[in-house]
Amino acid sequence: TSHLLLHEQEAYSKLCGMEVLSLGKTGFGQPPLGLDQLQNCLENHNPGNIAAILLELPHRELGGKITPWEEILGMQQLAND
């Protein structure tokens, strides 16, 4: 549901040479991205190949929902590890 994915015509790829690995569910009424989804992604992919984690807040396409602060801090810790 990221604005970058839906409305920016893959500018991140053209500008930074990055490929996206999209997480979470799409569509209005879905819950925001959770820490467990990021943990599962890192367990199933080589973390050495992940250069950045982008979390768009609020999740506009989900009706303005926000990932809970405690989960954002957990995501930060995963990124730092």
PDB file of N, CA and C in Angstrom:
ATOM      1  N   THR A   1       0.816  -1.204   0.000  1.00  0.00           N
ATOM      2  CA  THR A   1       0.000   0.000   0.000  1.00  0.00           C
ATOM      3  C   THR A   1       0.856   1.263   0.000  1.00  0.00           C
ATOM      4  N   SER A   2       2.134   1.121  -0.184  1.00  0.00           N
ATOM      5  CA  SER A   2       3.043   2.265  -0.131  1.00  0.00           C
ATOM      6  C   SER A   2       2.820   3.219  -1.301  1.00  0.00           C
ATOM      7  N   HIS A   3       2.852   4.483  -0.983  1.00  0.00           N
ATOM      8  CA  HIS A   3       2.746   5.515  -2.018  1.00  0.00           C
ATOM      9  C   HIS A   3       3.853   5.336  -3.062  1.00  0.00           C
ATOM     10  N   LEU A   4       5.053   5.003  -2.611  1.00  0.00           N
ATOM     11  CA  LEU A   4       6.165   4.802  -3.551  1.00  0.00           C
ATOM     12  C   LEU A   4       5.887   3.679  -4.536  1.00  0.00           C
ATOM     13  N   LEU A   5       5.222   2.635  -4.066  1.00  0.00           N
ATOM     14  CA  LEU A   5       4.922   1.508  -4.948  1.00  0.00           C
ATOM     15  C   LEU A   5       3.734   1.791  -5.863  1.00  0.00           C
ATOM     16  N   LEU A   6       2.747   2.499  -5.349  1.00  0.00           N
ATOM     17  CA  LEU A   6       1.510   2.697  -6.104  1.00  0.00           C
ATOM     18  C   LEU A   6       1.532   3.912  -7.037  1.00  0.00           C
ATOM     19  N   HIS A   7       2.266   4.949  -6.663  1.00  0.00           N
ATOM     20  CA  HIS A   7       2.113   6.214  -7.387  1.00  0.00           C
ATOM     21  C   HIS A   7       3.403   6.837  -7.917  1.00  0.00           C
ATOM     22  N   GLU A   8       4.545   6.245  -7.675  1.00  0.00           N
ATOM     23  CA  GLU A   8       5.811   6.876  -8.072  1.00  0.00           C
ATOM     24  C   GLU A   8       6.512   6.167  -9.230  1.00  0.00           C
ATOM     25  N   GLN A   9       5.828   5.271  -9.912  1.00  0.00           N
ATOM     26  CA  GLN A   9       6.348   4.591 -11.096  1.00  0.00           C
ATOM     27  C   GLN A   9       7.749   4.010 -10.897  1.00  0.00           C
ATOM     28  N   GLU A  10       7.964   3.376  -9.755  1.00  0.00           N
ATOM     29  CA  GLU A  10       9.221   2.697  -9.433  1.00  0.00           C
ATOM     30  C   GLU A  10      10.433   3.630  -9.476  1.00  0.00           C
ATOM     31  N   ALA A  11      10.249   4.871  -9.041  1.00  0.00           N
ATOM     32  CA  ALA A  11      11.345   5.836  -9.037  1.00  0.00           C
ATOM     33  C   ALA A  11      12.506   5.356  -8.172  1.00  0.00           C
ATOM     34  N   TYR A  12      12.216   4.660  -7.065  1.00  0.00           N
ATOM     35  CA  TYR A  12      13.278   4.140  -6.199  1.00  0.00           C
ATOM     36  C   TYR A  12      14.227   3.258  -6.986  1.00  0.00           C
ATOM     37  N   SER A  13      13.694   2.479  -7.923  1.00  0.00           N
ATOM     38  CA  SER A  13      14.506   1.578  -8.724  1.00  0.00           C
ATOM     39  C   SER A  13      15.363   2.356  -9.719  1.00  0.00           C
ATOM     40  N   LYS A  14      14.765   3.329 -10.353  1.00  0.00           N
ATOM     41  CA  LYS A  14      15.485   4.116 -11.352  1.00  0.00           C
ATOM     42  C   LYS A  14      16.551   5.004 -10.716  1.00  0.00           C
ATOM     43  N   LEU A  15      16.261   5.567  -9.546  1.00  0.00           N
ATOM     44  CA  LEU A  15      17.195   6.479  -8.901  1.00  0.00           C
ATOM     45  C   LEU A  15      18.280   5.763  -8.093  1.00  0.00           C
ATOM     46  N   CYS A  16      17.920   4.675  -7.436  1.00  0.00           N
ATOM     47  CA  CYS A  16      18.845   4.017  -6.504  1.00  0.00           C
ATOM     48  C   CYS A  16      19.274   2.625  -6.953  1.00  0.00           C
ATOM     49  N   GLY A  17      18.672   2.109  -8.014  1.00  0.00           N
ATOM     50  CA  GLY A  17      19.001   0.768  -8.466  1.00  0.00           C
ATOM     51  C   GLY A  17      18.514  -0.317  -7.523  1.00  0.00           C
ATOM     52  N   MET A  18      17.475  -0.026  -6.751  1.00  0.00           N
ATOM     53  CA  MET A  18      16.956  -0.990  -5.776  1.00  0.00           C
ATOM     54  C   MET A  18      15.803  -1.797  -6.360  1.00  0.00           C
ATOM     55  N   GLU A  19      15.708  -3.029  -5.891  1.00  0.00           N
ATOM     56  CA  GLU A  19      14.551  -3.861  -6.173  1.00  0.00           C
ATOM     57  C   GLU A  19      13.714  -3.912  -4.909  1.00  0.00           C
ATOM     58  N   VAL A  20      12.400  -3.970  -5.066  1.00  0.00           N
ATOM     59  CA  VAL A  20      11.524  -3.959  -3.901  1.00  0.00           C
ATOM     60  C   VAL A  20      11.102  -5.373  -3.521  1.00  0.00           C
ATOM     61  N   LEU A  21      11.010  -5.583  -2.245  1.00  0.00           N
ATOM     62  CA  LEU A  21      10.436  -6.796  -1.680  1.00  0.00           C
ATOM     63  C   LEU A  21       9.277  -6.310  -0.823  1.00  0.00           C
ATOM     64  N   SER A  22       8.091  -6.358  -1.367  1.00  0.00           N
ATOM     65  CA  SER A  22       6.919  -5.775  -0.722  1.00  0.00           C
ATOM     66  C   SER A  22       6.359  -6.716   0.334  1.00  0.00           C
ATOM     67  N   LEU A  23       6.038  -6.157   1.500  1.00  0.00           N
ATOM     68  CA  LEU A  23       5.472  -6.928   2.609  1.00  0.00           C
ATOM     69  C   LEU A  23       4.096  -6.395   2.946  1.00  0.00           C
ATOM     70  N   GLY A  24       3.315  -7.192   3.623  1.00  0.00           N
ATOM     71  CA  GLY A  24       2.009  -6.756   4.085  1.00  0.00           C
ATOM     72  C   GLY A  24       0.919  -7.023   3.066  1.00  0.00           C
ATOM     73  N   LYS A  25      -0.295  -6.799   3.507  1.00  0.00           N
ATOM     74  CA  LYS A  25      -1.463  -7.012   2.667  1.00  0.00           C
ATOM     75  C   LYS A  25      -1.902  -5.684   2.069  1.00  0.00           C
ATOM     76  N   THR A  26      -2.555  -5.758   0.926  1.00  0.00           N
ATOM     77  CA  THR A  26      -3.024  -4.549   0.279  1.00  0.00           C
ATOM     78  C   THR A  26      -4.535  -4.438   0.392  1.00  0.00           C
ATOM     79  N   GLY A  27      -5.008  -3.219   0.317  1.00  0.00           N
ATOM     80  CA  GLY A  27      -6.441  -2.974   0.303  1.00  0.00           C
ATOM     81  C   GLY A  27      -6.949  -2.309   1.566  1.00  0.00           C
ATOM     82  N   PHE A  28      -7.934  -1.472   1.383  1.00  0.00           N
ATOM     83  CA  PHE A  28      -8.528  -0.739   2.492  1.00  0.00           C
ATOM     84  C   PHE A  28      -9.069  -1.715   3.522  1.00  0.00           C
ATOM     85  N   GLY A  29      -8.854  -1.425   4.788  1.00  0.00           N
ATOM     86  CA  GLY A  29      -9.349  -2.276   5.858  1.00  0.00           C
ATOM     87  C   GLY A  29      -8.350  -3.298   6.356  1.00  0.00           C
ATOM     88  N   GLN A  30      -7.196  -3.428   5.689  1.00  0.00           N
ATOM     89  CA  GLN A  30      -6.169  -4.366   6.130  1.00  0.00           C
ATOM     90  C   GLN A  30      -5.395  -3.774   7.305  1.00  0.00           C
ATOM     91  N   PRO A  31      -4.788  -4.609   8.124  1.00  0.00           N
ATOM     92  CA  PRO A  31      -3.971  -4.081   9.224  1.00  0.00           C
ATOM     93  C   PRO A  31      -2.657  -3.528   8.679  1.00  0.00           C
ATOM     94  N   PRO A  32      -2.031  -2.602   9.415  1.00  0.00           N
ATOM     95  CA  PRO A  32      -0.729  -2.090   8.982  1.00  0.00           C
ATOM     96  C   PRO A  32       0.345  -3.164   9.116  1.00  0.00           C
ATOM     97  N   LEU A  33       1.467  -2.935   8.470  1.00  0.00           N
ATOM     98  CA  LEU A  33       2.589  -3.861   8.526  1.00  0.00           C
ATOM     99  C   LEU A  33       3.015  -4.073   9.965  1.00  0.00           C
ATOM    100  N   GLY A  34       3.248  -5.331  10.327  1.00  0.00           N
ATOM    101  CA  GLY A  34       3.633  -5.660  11.688  1.00  0.00           C
ATOM    102  C   GLY A  34       5.050  -6.198  11.773  1.00  0.00           C
ATOM    103  N   LEU A  35       5.586  -6.171  12.957  1.00  0.00           N
ATOM    104  CA  LEU A  35       6.933  -6.664  13.217  1.00  0.00           C
ATOM    105  C   LEU A  35       7.076  -8.123  12.790  1.00  0.00           C
ATOM    106  N   ASP A  36       6.054  -8.928  13.028  1.00  0.00           N
ATOM    107  CA  ASP A  36       6.130 -10.350  12.671  1.00  0.00           C
ATOM    108  C   ASP A  36       6.309 -10.545  11.170  1.00  0.00           C
ATOM    109  N   GLN A  37       5.704  -9.687  10.358  1.00  0.00           N
ATOM    110  CA  GLN A  37       5.864  -9.807   8.903  1.00  0.00           C
ATOM    111  C   GLN A  37       7.304  -9.511   8.489  1.00  0.00           C
ATOM    112  N   LEU A  38       7.922  -8.518   9.102  1.00  0.00           N
ATOM    113  CA  LEU A  38       9.312  -8.203   8.801  1.00  0.00           C
ATOM    114  C   LEU A  38      10.229  -9.322   9.272  1.00  0.00           C
ATOM    115  N   GLN A  39       9.981  -9.864  10.462  1.00  0.00           N
ATOM    116  CA  GLN A  39      10.782 -10.975  10.975  1.00  0.00           C
ATOM    117  C   GLN A  39      10.709 -12.175  10.032  1.00  0.00           C
ATOM    118  N   ASN A  40       9.504 -12.508   9.565  1.00  0.00           N
ATOM    119  CA  ASN A  40       9.330 -13.627   8.629  1.00  0.00           C
ATOM    120  C   ASN A  40      10.092 -13.382   7.339  1.00  0.00           C
ATOM    121  N   CYS A  41      10.065 -12.163   6.851  1.00  0.00           N
ATOM    122  CA  CYS A  41      10.785 -11.826   5.619  1.00  0.00           C
ATOM    123  C   CYS A  41      12.278 -12.048   5.797  1.00  0.00           C
ATOM    124  N   LEU A  42      12.819 -11.559   6.909  1.00  0.00           N
ATOM    125  CA  LEU A  42      14.254 -11.692   7.148  1.00  0.00           C
ATOM    126  C   LEU A  42      14.668 -13.145   7.348  1.00  0.00           C
ATOM    127  N   GLU A  43      13.773 -13.953   7.893  1.00  0.00           N
ATOM    128  CA  GLU A  43      14.068 -15.375   8.070  1.00  0.00           C
ATOM    129  C   GLU A  43      14.060 -16.123   6.743  1.00  0.00           C
ATOM    130  N   ASN A  44      13.286 -15.638   5.776  1.00  0.00           N
ATOM    131  CA  ASN A  44      13.129 -16.338   4.499  1.00  0.00           C
ATOM    132  C   ASN A  44      13.959 -15.755   3.366  1.00  0.00           C
ATOM    133  N   HIS A  45      14.700 -14.688   3.624  1.00  0.00           N
ATOM    134  CA  HIS A  45      15.555 -14.065   2.613  1.00  0.00           C
ATOM    135  C   HIS A  45      16.923 -13.799   3.233  1.00  0.00           C
ATOM    136  N   ASN A  46      17.916 -13.686   2.415  1.00  0.00           N
ATOM    137  CA  ASN A  46      19.260 -13.392   2.893  1.00  0.00           C
ATOM    138  C   ASN A  46      19.318 -11.944   3.365  1.00  0.00           C
ATOM    139  N   PRO A  47      19.435 -11.704   4.678  1.00  0.00           N
ATOM    140  CA  PRO A  47      19.458 -10.320   5.179  1.00  0.00           C
ATOM    141  C   PRO A  47      20.596  -9.504   4.596  1.00  0.00           C
ATOM    142  N   GLY A  48      21.671 -10.168   4.141  1.00  0.00           N
ATOM    143  CA  GLY A  48      22.777  -9.450   3.527  1.00  0.00           C
ATOM    144  C   GLY A  48      22.407  -8.793   2.217  1.00  0.00           C
ATOM    145  N   ASN A  49      21.302  -9.221   1.623  1.00  0.00           N
ATOM    146  CA  ASN A  49      20.842  -8.636   0.363  1.00  0.00           C
ATOM    147  C   ASN A  49      19.864  -7.484   0.575  1.00  0.00           C
ATOM    148  N   ILE A  50      19.514  -7.199   1.817  1.00  0.00           N
ATOM    149  CA  ILE A  50      18.549  -6.133   2.105  1.00  0.00           C
ATOM    150  C   ILE A  50      19.319  -4.883   2.503  1.00  0.00           C
ATOM    151  N   ALA A  51      19.141  -3.821   1.708  1.00  0.00           N
ATOM    152  CA  ALA A  51      19.895  -2.583   1.919  1.00  0.00           C
ATOM    153  C   ALA A  51      19.105  -1.535   2.690  1.00  0.00           C
ATOM    154  N   ALA A  52      17.791  -1.609   2.652  1.00  0.00           N
ATOM    155  CA  ALA A  52      16.971  -0.584   3.296  1.00  0.00           C
ATOM    156  C   ALA A  52      15.609  -1.161   3.654  1.00  0.00           C
ATOM    157  N   ILE A  53      15.034  -0.595   4.695  1.00  0.00           N
ATOM    158  CA  ILE A  53      13.660  -0.925   5.081  1.00  0.00           C
ATOM    159  C   ILE A  53      12.892   0.381   5.076  1.00  0.00           C
ATOM    160  N   LEU A  54      11.831   0.440   4.314  1.00  0.00           N
ATOM    161  CA  LEU A  54      10.996   1.639   4.238  1.00  0.00           C
ATOM    162  C   LEU A  54       9.642   1.326   4.848  1.00  0.00           C
ATOM    163  N   LEU A  55       9.263   2.099   5.817  1.00  0.00           N
ATOM    164  CA  LEU A  55       7.958   1.964   6.452  1.00  0.00           C
ATOM    165  C   LEU A  55       7.248   3.298   6.292  1.00  0.00           C
ATOM    166  N   GLU A  56       6.215   3.318   5.496  1.00  0.00           N
ATOM    167  CA  GLU A  56       5.482   4.557   5.248  1.00  0.00           C
ATOM    168  C   GLU A  56       4.421   4.753   6.319  1.00  0.00           C
ATOM    169  N   LEU A  57       4.466   5.896   6.974  1.00  0.00           N
ATOM    170  CA  LEU A  57       3.497   6.219   8.021  1.00  0.00           C
ATOM    171  C   LEU A  57       2.886   7.584   7.769  1.00  0.00           C
ATOM    172  N   PRO A  58       1.613   7.751   7.903  1.00  0.00           N
ATOM    173  CA  PRO A  58       0.653   6.666   8.109  1.00  0.00           C
ATOM    174  C   PRO A  58       0.430   5.886   6.816  1.00  0.00           C
ATOM    175  N   HIS A  59      -0.193   4.755   6.947  1.00  0.00           N
ATOM    176  CA  HIS A  59      -0.533   3.931   5.778  1.00  0.00           C
ATOM    177  C   HIS A  59      -1.785   4.536   5.152  1.00  0.00           C
ATOM    178  N   ARG A  60      -1.579   5.450   4.245  1.00  0.00           N
ATOM    179  CA  ARG A  60      -2.712   6.196   3.673  1.00  0.00           C
ATOM    180  C   ARG A  60      -3.713   5.303   2.965  1.00  0.00           C
ATOM    181  N   GLU A  61      -3.200   4.338   2.219  1.00  0.00           N
ATOM    182  CA  GLU A  61      -4.096   3.471   1.456  1.00  0.00           C
ATOM    183  C   GLU A  61      -4.875   2.509   2.354  1.00  0.00           C
ATOM    184  N   LEU A  62      -4.493   2.420   3.624  1.00  0.00           N
ATOM    185  CA  LEU A  62      -5.212   1.577   4.590  1.00  0.00           C
ATOM    186  C   LEU A  62      -6.125   2.410   5.474  1.00  0.00           C
ATOM    187  N   GLY A  63      -6.354   3.644   5.081  1.00  0.00           N
ATOM    188  CA  GLY A  63      -7.238   4.505   5.849  1.00  0.00           C
ATOM    189  C   GLY A  63      -6.534   5.288   6.941  1.00  0.00           C
ATOM    190  N   GLY A  64      -5.231   5.497   6.804  1.00  0.00           N
ATOM    191  CA  GLY A  64      -4.481   6.281   7.775  1.00  0.00           C
ATOM    192  C   GLY A  64      -4.021   5.511   8.992  1.00  0.00           C
ATOM    193  N   LYS A  65      -4.031   4.188   8.932  1.00  0.00           N
ATOM    194  CA  LYS A  65      -3.589   3.384  10.073  1.00  0.00           C
ATOM    195  C   LYS A  65      -2.086   3.547  10.289  1.00  0.00           C
ATOM    196  N   ILE A  66      -1.657   3.288  11.513  1.00  0.00           N
ATOM    197  CA  ILE A  66      -0.250   3.423  11.862  1.00  0.00           C
ATOM    198  C   ILE A  66       0.227   2.154  12.556  1.00  0.00           C
ATOM    199  N   THR A  67       1.412   1.695  12.177  1.00  0.00           N
ATOM    200  CA  THR A  67       2.046   0.585  12.877  1.00  0.00           C
ATOM    201  C   THR A  67       2.328   1.034  14.309  1.00  0.00           C
ATOM    202  N   PRO A  68       1.997   0.220  15.307  1.00  0.00           N
ATOM    203  CA  PRO A  68       2.247   0.612  16.702  1.00  0.00           C
ATOM    204  C   PRO A  68       3.721   0.949  16.950  1.00  0.00           C
ATOM    205  N   TRP A  69       3.958   1.956  17.790  1.00  0.00           N
ATOM    206  CA  TRP A  69       5.307   2.452  18.060  1.00  0.00           C
ATOM    207  C   TRP A  69       6.243   1.346  18.554  1.00  0.00           C
ATOM    208  N   GLU A  70       5.749   0.467  19.411  1.00  0.00           N
ATOM    209  CA  GLU A  70       6.578  -0.610  19.929  1.00  0.00           C
ATOM    210  C   GLU A  70       7.059  -1.522  18.801  1.00  0.00           C
ATOM    211  N   GLU A  71       6.209  -1.739  17.802  1.00  0.00           N
ATOM    212  CA  GLU A  71       6.598  -2.574  16.667  1.00  0.00           C
ATOM    213  C   GLU A  71       7.605  -1.840  15.778  1.00  0.00           C
ATOM    214  N   ILE A  72       7.457  -0.538  15.645  1.00  0.00           N
ATOM    215  CA  ILE A  72       8.431   0.245  14.873  1.00  0.00           C
ATOM    216  C   ILE A  72       9.800   0.160  15.544  1.00  0.00           C
ATOM    217  N   LEU A  73       9.840   0.268  16.858  1.00  0.00           N
ATOM    218  CA  LEU A  73      11.113   0.131  17.576  1.00  0.00           C
ATOM    219  C   LEU A  73      11.710  -1.260  17.394  1.00  0.00           C
ATOM    220  N   GLY A  74      10.858  -2.282  17.363  1.00  0.00           N
ATOM    221  CA  GLY A  74      11.320  -3.637  17.105  1.00  0.00           C
ATOM    222  C   GLY A  74      11.889  -3.782  15.703  1.00  0.00           C
ATOM    223  N   MET A  75      11.267  -3.115  14.730  1.00  0.00           N
ATOM    224  CA  MET A  75      11.778  -3.133  13.358  1.00  0.00           C
ATOM    225  C   MET A  75      13.137  -2.442  13.283  1.00  0.00           C
ATOM    226  N   GLN A  76      13.281  -1.355  14.013  1.00  0.00           N
ATOM    227  CA  GLN A  76      14.548  -0.656  14.065  1.00  0.00           C
ATOM    228  C   GLN A  76      15.639  -1.559  14.638  1.00  0.00           C
ATOM    229  N   GLN A  77      15.297  -2.285  15.692  1.00  0.00           N
ATOM    230  CA  GLN A  77      16.277  -3.199  16.296  1.00  0.00           C
ATOM    231  C   GLN A  77      16.670  -4.287  15.318  1.00  0.00           C
ATOM    232  N   LEU A  78      15.712  -4.838  14.580  1.00  0.00           N
ATOM    233  CA  LEU A  78      16.038  -5.847  13.557  1.00  0.00           C
ATOM    234  C   LEU A  78      16.981  -5.287  12.507  1.00  0.00           C
ATOM    235  N   ALA A  79      16.729  -4.070  12.084  1.00  0.00           N
ATOM    236  CA  ALA A  79      17.571  -3.442  11.071  1.00  0.00           C
ATOM    237  C   ALA A  79      18.985  -3.220  11.606  1.00  0.00           C
ATOM    238  N   ASN A  80      19.079  -2.834  12.862  1.00  0.00           N
ATOM    239  CA  ASN A  80      20.385  -2.596  13.457  1.00  0.00           C
ATOM    240  C   ASN A  80      21.184  -3.875  13.656  1.00  0.00           C
ATOM    241  N   ASP A  81      20.453  -4.962  13.918  1.00  0.00           N
ATOM    242  CA  ASP A  81      21.133  -6.255  14.121  1.00  0.00           C
ATOM    243  C   ASP A  81      21.648  -6.784  12.800  1.00  0.00           C
TER     244      ASP A  81
END
